[in-house]
N, C-alpha and C. Protein backbone atom coordinates (compact mmCIF):
# COMPACT_ATOMS: atom_id res chain seq x y z
N MET A 1 -62.58 15.02 -43.51
CA MET A 1 -62.99 15.91 -42.46
C MET A 1 -63.84 17.04 -43.01
N TRP A 2 -63.59 17.47 -44.25
CA TRP A 2 -64.43 18.53 -44.79
C TRP A 2 -65.82 18.02 -45.11
N GLN A 3 -65.98 16.69 -45.23
CA GLN A 3 -67.30 16.11 -45.44
C GLN A 3 -67.84 15.52 -44.14
N ASN A 4 -67.15 15.78 -43.04
CA ASN A 4 -67.52 15.29 -41.71
C ASN A 4 -67.54 13.77 -41.61
N ALA A 5 -66.72 13.10 -42.44
CA ALA A 5 -66.58 11.66 -42.34
C ALA A 5 -65.78 11.29 -41.09
N LEU A 6 -64.87 12.15 -40.70
CA LEU A 6 -64.11 12.00 -39.46
C LEU A 6 -64.39 13.21 -38.58
N PRO A 7 -64.51 13.00 -37.30
CA PRO A 7 -64.71 14.17 -36.43
C PRO A 7 -63.41 14.95 -36.28
N TRP A 8 -63.54 16.23 -36.06
CA TRP A 8 -62.38 17.10 -35.89
C TRP A 8 -61.57 16.73 -34.65
N HIS A 9 -62.17 16.03 -33.73
CA HIS A 9 -61.49 15.65 -32.49
C HIS A 9 -60.35 14.67 -32.73
N VAL A 10 -60.27 14.04 -33.90
CA VAL A 10 -59.16 13.13 -34.18
C VAL A 10 -57.83 13.88 -34.22
N LEU A 11 -57.87 15.19 -34.46
CA LEU A 11 -56.64 15.97 -34.49
C LEU A 11 -55.99 16.05 -33.11
N ALA A 12 -56.73 15.75 -32.07
CA ALA A 12 -56.17 15.77 -30.71
C ALA A 12 -55.09 14.70 -30.54
N TYR A 13 -55.07 13.70 -31.41
CA TYR A 13 -54.09 12.63 -31.31
C TYR A 13 -52.77 12.98 -31.99
N ILE A 14 -52.73 14.09 -32.68
CA ILE A 14 -51.50 14.52 -33.34
C ILE A 14 -50.74 15.45 -32.40
N ARG A 15 -49.54 15.08 -32.06
CA ARG A 15 -48.67 15.94 -31.24
C ARG A 15 -47.59 16.47 -32.17
N LEU A 16 -47.71 17.72 -32.53
CA LEU A 16 -46.85 18.31 -33.55
C LEU A 16 -45.66 19.01 -32.90
N THR A 17 -44.67 18.21 -32.55
CA THR A 17 -43.40 18.73 -32.06
C THR A 17 -42.29 18.01 -32.81
N GLU A 18 -41.11 18.57 -32.77
CA GLU A 18 -39.99 17.96 -33.47
C GLU A 18 -39.66 16.58 -32.90
N GLU A 19 -39.81 16.43 -31.61
CA GLU A 19 -39.52 15.16 -30.95
C GLU A 19 -40.54 14.08 -31.27
N ASP A 20 -41.79 14.47 -31.46
CA ASP A 20 -42.88 13.50 -31.62
C ASP A 20 -43.22 13.18 -33.07
N THR A 21 -42.60 13.86 -34.01
CA THR A 21 -42.92 13.64 -35.42
C THR A 21 -41.65 13.40 -36.23
N THR A 22 -41.86 12.84 -37.40
CA THR A 22 -40.78 12.68 -38.37
C THR A 22 -41.03 13.66 -39.50
N SER A 23 -40.07 13.78 -40.37
CA SER A 23 -40.23 14.66 -41.52
C SER A 23 -41.44 14.22 -42.35
N SER A 24 -41.59 12.93 -42.53
CA SER A 24 -42.71 12.40 -43.32
C SER A 24 -44.06 12.71 -42.67
N SER A 25 -44.15 12.57 -41.38
CA SER A 25 -45.43 12.85 -40.72
C SER A 25 -45.75 14.34 -40.74
N ARG A 26 -44.74 15.20 -40.65
CA ARG A 26 -44.99 16.64 -40.75
C ARG A 26 -45.47 17.01 -42.15
N ILE A 27 -44.91 16.36 -43.17
CA ILE A 27 -45.37 16.61 -44.54
C ILE A 27 -46.81 16.14 -44.70
N PHE A 28 -47.15 14.99 -44.11
CA PHE A 28 -48.53 14.50 -44.16
C PHE A 28 -49.49 15.50 -43.53
N ILE A 29 -49.13 16.04 -42.37
CA ILE A 29 -49.99 17.02 -41.69
C ILE A 29 -50.12 18.28 -42.53
N LYS A 30 -49.04 18.70 -43.15
CA LYS A 30 -49.07 19.87 -44.04
C LYS A 30 -50.04 19.64 -45.18
N ILE A 31 -49.96 18.48 -45.82
CA ILE A 31 -50.86 18.16 -46.94
C ILE A 31 -52.30 18.07 -46.45
N LEU A 32 -52.52 17.50 -45.28
CA LEU A 32 -53.86 17.42 -44.70
C LEU A 32 -54.48 18.81 -44.57
N PHE A 33 -53.71 19.76 -44.02
CA PHE A 33 -54.24 21.12 -43.86
C PHE A 33 -54.37 21.85 -45.19
N GLN A 34 -53.51 21.55 -46.15
CA GLN A 34 -53.67 22.14 -47.48
C GLN A 34 -54.97 21.65 -48.12
N GLU A 35 -55.25 20.37 -47.99
CA GLU A 35 -56.50 19.81 -48.52
C GLU A 35 -57.72 20.40 -47.82
N LEU A 36 -57.64 20.53 -46.51
CA LEU A 36 -58.75 21.13 -45.77
C LEU A 36 -59.00 22.56 -46.22
N SER A 37 -57.94 23.33 -46.39
CA SER A 37 -58.13 24.73 -46.81
C SER A 37 -58.63 24.81 -48.25
N GLU A 38 -58.23 23.86 -49.08
CA GLU A 38 -58.71 23.85 -50.47
C GLU A 38 -60.19 23.52 -50.55
N HIS A 39 -60.64 22.56 -49.75
CA HIS A 39 -62.03 22.12 -49.83
C HIS A 39 -62.99 22.97 -48.99
N LEU A 40 -62.51 23.46 -47.85
CA LEU A 40 -63.37 24.28 -47.00
C LEU A 40 -63.26 25.76 -47.31
N GLY A 41 -62.08 26.16 -47.72
CA GLY A 41 -61.78 27.58 -47.86
C GLY A 41 -61.12 28.07 -46.58
N ILE A 42 -60.28 29.08 -46.72
CA ILE A 42 -59.53 29.59 -45.58
C ILE A 42 -60.45 30.13 -44.49
N ARG A 43 -61.50 30.83 -44.86
CA ARG A 43 -62.39 31.44 -43.87
C ARG A 43 -63.06 30.39 -43.00
N ILE A 44 -63.63 29.35 -43.61
CA ILE A 44 -64.33 28.32 -42.84
C ILE A 44 -63.33 27.50 -42.02
N LEU A 45 -62.17 27.19 -42.60
CA LEU A 45 -61.15 26.46 -41.85
C LEU A 45 -60.73 27.26 -40.62
N ASN A 46 -60.51 28.54 -40.79
CA ASN A 46 -60.14 29.39 -39.66
C ASN A 46 -61.25 29.43 -38.61
N GLU A 47 -62.50 29.49 -39.04
CA GLU A 47 -63.62 29.48 -38.10
C GLU A 47 -63.64 28.19 -37.28
N ARG A 48 -63.40 27.06 -37.94
CA ARG A 48 -63.41 25.78 -37.22
C ARG A 48 -62.22 25.67 -36.27
N LEU A 49 -61.06 26.14 -36.71
CA LEU A 49 -59.88 26.08 -35.85
C LEU A 49 -59.98 27.06 -34.68
N SER A 50 -60.77 28.11 -34.83
CA SER A 50 -60.91 29.13 -33.79
C SER A 50 -62.11 28.90 -32.88
N HIS A 51 -62.96 27.96 -33.21
CA HIS A 51 -64.18 27.73 -32.44
C HIS A 51 -63.83 27.31 -31.01
N PRO A 52 -64.41 27.98 -30.01
CA PRO A 52 -64.07 27.69 -28.61
C PRO A 52 -64.29 26.24 -28.20
N SER A 53 -65.30 25.59 -28.73
CA SER A 53 -65.57 24.21 -28.32
C SER A 53 -64.56 23.22 -28.89
N MET A 54 -63.75 23.65 -29.84
CA MET A 54 -62.79 22.76 -30.49
C MET A 54 -61.36 22.94 -29.97
N GLN A 55 -61.14 23.88 -29.08
CA GLN A 55 -59.78 24.21 -28.66
C GLN A 55 -59.05 23.02 -28.02
N ASP A 56 -59.74 22.19 -27.29
CA ASP A 56 -59.10 21.01 -26.71
C ASP A 56 -58.58 20.06 -27.79
N SER A 57 -59.27 20.00 -28.90
CA SER A 57 -58.87 19.12 -29.99
C SER A 57 -57.60 19.59 -30.69
N PHE A 58 -57.34 20.87 -30.64
CA PHE A 58 -56.19 21.43 -31.36
C PHE A 58 -55.01 21.75 -30.45
N GLU A 59 -55.16 21.48 -29.17
CA GLU A 59 -54.11 21.82 -28.22
C GLU A 59 -52.80 21.12 -28.52
N SER A 60 -52.84 19.86 -28.91
CA SER A 60 -51.60 19.12 -29.16
C SER A 60 -51.03 19.37 -30.55
N ILE A 61 -51.86 19.78 -31.47
CA ILE A 61 -51.34 20.05 -32.81
C ILE A 61 -50.73 21.45 -32.90
N PHE A 62 -51.17 22.34 -32.03
CA PHE A 62 -50.60 23.69 -31.93
C PHE A 62 -50.13 23.92 -30.49
N PRO A 63 -49.07 23.22 -30.07
CA PRO A 63 -48.66 23.29 -28.66
C PRO A 63 -48.14 24.67 -28.27
N ARG A 64 -48.43 25.05 -27.05
CA ARG A 64 -47.97 26.34 -26.50
C ARG A 64 -47.30 26.15 -25.14
N ASP A 65 -47.05 24.90 -24.77
CA ASP A 65 -46.53 24.60 -23.45
C ASP A 65 -45.06 24.94 -23.27
N ASN A 66 -44.31 24.96 -24.36
CA ASN A 66 -42.88 25.18 -24.29
C ASN A 66 -42.48 25.99 -25.51
N LEU A 67 -41.61 26.95 -25.35
CA LEU A 67 -41.19 27.79 -26.47
C LEU A 67 -40.60 26.96 -27.60
N LYS A 68 -39.91 25.89 -27.27
CA LYS A 68 -39.32 25.01 -28.28
C LYS A 68 -40.39 24.31 -29.11
N ASN A 69 -41.55 24.08 -28.54
CA ASN A 69 -42.63 23.37 -29.22
C ASN A 69 -43.54 24.28 -30.03
N THR A 70 -43.36 25.58 -29.95
CA THR A 70 -44.26 26.49 -30.66
C THR A 70 -43.80 26.79 -32.05
C-alpha cells in the first residue's frame, strides 16, 4: 500500500470489532499498520487516514457505531 500496489480502499473490507476478528487477524492488522507507518512515516500515514475522500474506506476499520466497537 505504501507503494500503491493496492488501493487504500481495500481497508473498507476489514471490520475491526471483537466479534468480527480473531486474535490472529488483529495482530495481522497491527503489523500492517506498523509497516505502513515505518515505510510512509507517521505524518504521511496520518494525512492519508485523515483525508476526507478516504473516510468511507476507513469507516469499518475504525468503527464508531457502537461504544463497544470503538
